[in-house]
Amino acid sequence: MGISDRKEREKQEMKRLIIDASMRMFLEEGYEKTSIRNIADKIEYSPGTIYLYYKDKDELLHEVQKEAFDRLHQNLLEKAPSKSPWKRLEQITTAYLEFGHAQPDLYDLMFIIRAPMNKAEESGWKNGKACFSYLLDCVQECIDKKLLRFSDPGIAALSIWSMCHGLVSLNVRCRMKVMEQDEAAVIKMIALAVQEYLRFIKA
């Protein structure tokens, strides 16, 4: 291995260390306490070392957000594998809801907190592309087989995503308390609402 290869490997290893520490801190202590200085303390390096790789907290959290979307994408691949496009669509929505309920802090970072998107404005946002493409491809298959009332796959995918996202977001941000139900009942209610919506848009 040459010097340049070794330096690149060391660079990637350091970035991995920083991202892993950032992810743990974000999940355990929340957005406000996740700072460059606190992350540096966790990995026992100076803040200056982290600034060699990330210019600020927003850029770092953008990378952590990417990790979160990679997890969601893997989750969709594992839990929504059906060869039937309609069945796969049902599996996608179920997997998405389950991920949001199980990972509320990550969901917040992915879809609600503004900070990571400051970086996205500079370079374009690619973090959610694989997940949306998985939904979009499935929706296109459903339309091709005349299983959906929609004719435009983009509008259909956006509609389905918005339905799921809206319900998960309400729950993540504790707005479903208006229903005066316990958490288990709320999660069941959300699943039933999405199932009802899918029945409504089915051709």
Protein backbone atom coordinates (compact mmCIF):
# COMPACT_ATOMS: atom_id res chain seq x y z
CA MET A 1 0.00 0.00 0.00
CA GLY A 2 1.41 3.39 -1.03
CA ILE A 3 1.58 6.53 1.11
CA SER A 4 -1.40 8.13 -0.64
CA ASP A 5 -3.49 4.98 -0.20
CA ARG A 6 -2.62 4.80 3.49
CA LYS A 7 -3.47 8.48 4.00
CA GLU A 8 -6.82 8.02 2.26
CA ARG A 9 -7.58 4.98 4.42
CA GLU A 10 -6.67 6.91 7.58
CA LYS A 11 -8.86 9.80 6.43
CA GLN A 12 -11.84 7.50 5.90
CA GLU A 13 -11.26 5.80 9.27
CA MET A 14 -11.21 9.18 11.04
CA LYS A 15 -14.41 10.27 9.28
CA ARG A 16 -16.02 6.99 10.30
CA LEU A 17 -14.99 7.58 13.92
CA ILE A 18 -16.41 11.10 13.88
CA ILE A 19 -19.70 10.09 12.24
CA ASP A 20 -20.23 7.15 14.60
CA ALA A 21 -19.58 9.35 17.64
CA SER A 22 -21.90 12.04 16.25
CA MET A 23 -24.67 9.52 15.64
CA ARG A 24 -24.40 8.14 19.18
CA MET A 25 -24.37 11.60 20.71
CA PHE A 26 -27.33 12.77 18.63
CA LEU A 27 -29.40 9.73 19.62
CA GLU A 28 -28.41 9.83 23.29
CA GLU A 29 -28.29 13.57 23.97
CA GLY A 30 -30.21 15.29 21.19
CA TYR A 31 -29.49 18.02 18.68
CA GLU A 32 -28.65 20.84 21.09
CA LYS A 33 -25.94 18.91 22.95
CA THR A 34 -24.40 17.53 19.78
CA SER A 35 -21.56 19.97 19.17
CA ILE A 36 -18.15 19.79 17.55
CA ARG A 37 -16.50 20.28 20.93
CA ASN A 38 -18.55 17.55 22.64
CA ILE A 39 -17.91 15.12 19.80
CA ALA A 40 -14.19 15.88 19.99
CA ASP A 41 -14.26 15.12 23.73
CA LYS A 42 -15.96 11.79 23.03
CA ILE A 43 -13.34 10.62 20.56
CA GLU A 44 -10.48 12.25 22.53
CA TYR A 45 -9.31 14.55 19.76
CA SER A 46 -9.20 18.32 19.57
CA PRO A 47 -12.09 20.20 17.91
CA GLY A 48 -9.55 21.36 15.34
CA THR A 49 -9.14 17.78 14.15
CA ILE A 50 -12.85 17.52 13.36
CA TYR A 51 -12.75 20.85 11.53
CA LEU A 52 -10.20 19.32 9.16
CA TYR A 53 -13.02 17.07 7.92
CA TYR A 54 -16.20 19.11 8.50
CA LYS A 55 -16.45 22.87 8.39
CA ASP A 56 -19.31 23.10 10.90
CA LYS A 57 -22.02 21.22 12.79
CA ASP A 58 -24.50 21.45 9.90
CA GLU A 59 -22.11 19.74 7.49
CA LEU A 60 -21.40 17.00 10.02
CA LEU A 61 -25.09 16.42 10.72
CA HIS A 62 -25.69 16.25 6.98
CA GLU A 63 -23.33 13.25 6.96
CA VAL A 64 -25.10 11.73 9.96
CA GLN A 65 -28.38 12.25 8.13
CA LYS A 66 -26.96 10.31 5.18
CA GLU A 67 -26.20 7.42 7.54
CA ALA A 68 -29.79 7.52 8.76
CA PHE A 69 -31.14 7.37 5.21
CA ASP A 70 -28.81 4.47 4.44
CA ARG A 71 -30.40 2.65 7.39
CA LEU A 72 -33.90 3.39 6.14
CA HIS A 73 -33.01 2.27 2.62
CA GLN A 74 -31.58 -1.00 3.91
CA ASN A 75 -34.71 -1.41 6.01
CA LEU A 76 -36.90 -1.00 2.92
CA LEU A 77 -34.85 -3.51 0.95
CA GLU A 78 -35.18 -6.08 3.74
CA LYS A 79 -38.82 -5.51 4.70
CA ALA A 80 -40.35 -4.65 1.32
CA PRO A 81 -39.01 -7.32 -1.06
CA SER A 82 -42.24 -8.61 -2.63
CA LYS A 83 -42.25 -9.19 -6.38
CA SER A 84 -45.88 -8.05 -6.43
CA PRO A 85 -45.75 -4.24 -6.80
CA TRP A 86 -48.94 -3.70 -4.79
CA LYS A 87 -47.80 -5.96 -1.98
CA ARG A 88 -44.39 -4.25 -2.04
CA LEU A 89 -46.09 -0.86 -1.79
CA GLU A 90 -47.92 -2.04 1.31
CA GLN A 91 -44.65 -3.36 2.71
CA ILE A 92 -42.87 -0.06 1.99
CA THR A 93 -45.46 1.98 3.88
CA THR A 94 -45.41 -0.44 6.81
CA ALA A 95 -41.60 -0.43 6.96
CA TYR A 96 -41.54 3.37 6.77
CA LEU A 97 -44.02 3.74 9.62
CA GLU A 98 -42.17 1.21 11.76
CA PHE A 99 -38.85 2.96 11.18
CA GLY A 100 -40.31 6.34 12.15
CA HIS A 101 -41.88 4.99 15.33
CA ALA A 102 -38.75 3.04 16.33
CA GLN A 103 -36.25 5.81 15.48
CA PRO A 104 -37.97 9.13 16.32
CA ASP A 105 -34.72 11.07 16.83
CA LEU A 106 -33.27 9.86 13.55
CA TYR A 107 -36.57 10.61 11.84
CA ASP A 108 -36.37 14.13 13.25
CA LEU A 109 -32.90 14.56 11.76
CA MET A 110 -33.95 13.11 8.42
CA PHE A 111 -37.20 14.97 7.86
CA ILE A 112 -37.90 17.70 10.39
CA ILE A 113 -34.80 19.47 11.76
CA ARG A 114 -33.72 22.26 9.44
CA ALA A 115 -29.94 22.26 10.16
CA PRO A 116 -28.71 19.41 7.90
CA MET A 117 -30.53 20.94 4.94
CA ASN A 118 -28.33 24.07 5.10
CA LYS A 119 -25.59 21.91 3.62
CA ALA A 120 -28.00 20.42 1.10
CA GLU A 121 -28.73 23.90 -0.26
CA GLU A 122 -25.07 24.22 -1.23
CA SER A 123 -24.60 20.88 -2.96
CA GLY A 124 -28.06 19.52 -3.70
CA TRP A 125 -29.78 16.93 -1.53
CA LYS A 126 -28.99 13.32 -2.36
CA ASN A 127 -29.45 11.74 1.05
CA GLY A 128 -33.06 10.71 0.57
CA LYS A 129 -32.81 9.83 -3.12
CA ALA A 130 -32.38 6.05 -2.80
CA CYS A 131 -35.37 5.73 -0.47
CA PHE A 132 -37.63 7.87 -2.64
CA SER A 133 -36.48 6.06 -5.79
CA TYR A 134 -37.41 2.74 -4.21
CA LEU A 135 -40.93 4.05 -3.61
CA LEU A 136 -41.10 5.72 -7.02
CA ASP A 137 -40.07 2.56 -8.88
CA CYS A 138 -42.69 0.56 -7.03
CA VAL A 139 -45.37 3.15 -7.77
CA GLN A 140 -44.40 3.14 -11.46
CA GLU A 141 -44.89 -0.64 -11.55
CA CYS A 142 -48.29 -0.26 -9.89
CA ILE A 143 -49.34 2.33 -12.47
CA ASP A 144 -48.06 0.18 -15.33
CA LYS A 145 -50.23 -2.67 -14.04
CA LYS A 146 -53.18 -0.29 -13.54
CA LEU A 147 -53.23 -0.88 -9.78
CA LEU A 148 -53.38 2.82 -8.84
CA ARG A 149 -55.79 5.61 -9.69
CA PHE A 150 -52.85 7.91 -10.41
CA SER A 151 -51.34 8.34 -13.86
CA ASP A 152 -48.27 10.35 -12.80
CA PRO A 153 -45.81 8.28 -10.72
CA GLY A 154 -44.16 11.36 -9.20
CA ILE A 155 -47.44 12.74 -7.90
CA ALA A 156 -48.48 9.28 -6.68
CA ALA A 157 -45.20 8.71 -4.81
CA LEU A 158 -45.33 12.19 -3.29
CA SER A 159 -48.92 11.65 -2.19
CA ILE A 160 -48.18 8.30 -0.53
CA TRP A 161 -44.99 9.57 1.12
CA SER A 162 -46.78 12.69 2.37
CA MET A 163 -49.52 10.61 3.95
CA CYS A 164 -47.02 8.43 5.82
CA HIS A 165 -44.71 11.29 6.69
CA GLY A 166 -47.49 13.48 8.01
CA LEU A 167 -48.74 10.84 10.41
CA VAL A 168 -45.27 9.84 11.63
CA SER A 169 -44.28 13.49 12.06
CA LEU A 170 -47.37 14.23 14.13
CA ASN A 171 -46.49 11.32 16.38
CA VAL A 172 -42.75 12.08 16.58
CA ARG A 173 -43.55 15.65 17.63
CA CYS A 174 -46.18 14.47 20.12
CA ARG A 175 -49.13 16.05 18.26
CA MET A 176 -51.06 12.78 18.27
CA LYS A 177 -51.73 13.34 21.97
CA VAL A 178 -54.84 15.15 20.75
CA MET A 179 -56.30 11.69 20.10
CA GLU A 180 -56.10 10.94 23.84
CA GLN A 181 -54.83 7.40 23.21
CA ASP A 182 -51.79 5.56 24.52
CA GLU A 183 -48.77 5.09 22.23
CA ALA A 184 -49.71 1.55 21.17
CA ALA A 185 -53.19 2.68 20.16
CA VAL A 186 -51.82 5.67 18.26
CA ILE A 187 -49.38 3.49 16.30
CA LYS A 188 -52.19 1.10 15.41
CA MET A 189 -54.40 4.02 14.37
CA ILE A 190 -51.69 5.40 12.09
CA ALA A 191 -51.21 2.00 10.42
CA LEU A 192 -54.95 1.68 9.84
CA ALA A 193 -55.15 5.21 8.41
CA VAL A 194 -52.44 4.40 5.85
CA GLN A 195 -54.09 1.08 4.96
CA GLU A 196 -57.38 2.91 4.41
CA TYR A 197 -55.61 5.49 2.22
CA LEU A 198 -54.05 2.76 0.07
CA ARG A 199 -57.45 1.16 -0.40
CA PHE A 200 -58.80 4.54 -1.46
CA ILE A 201 -56.15 5.10 -4.16
CA LYS A 202 -56.19 1.53 -5.46
CA ALA A 203 -57.67 1.27 -8.95
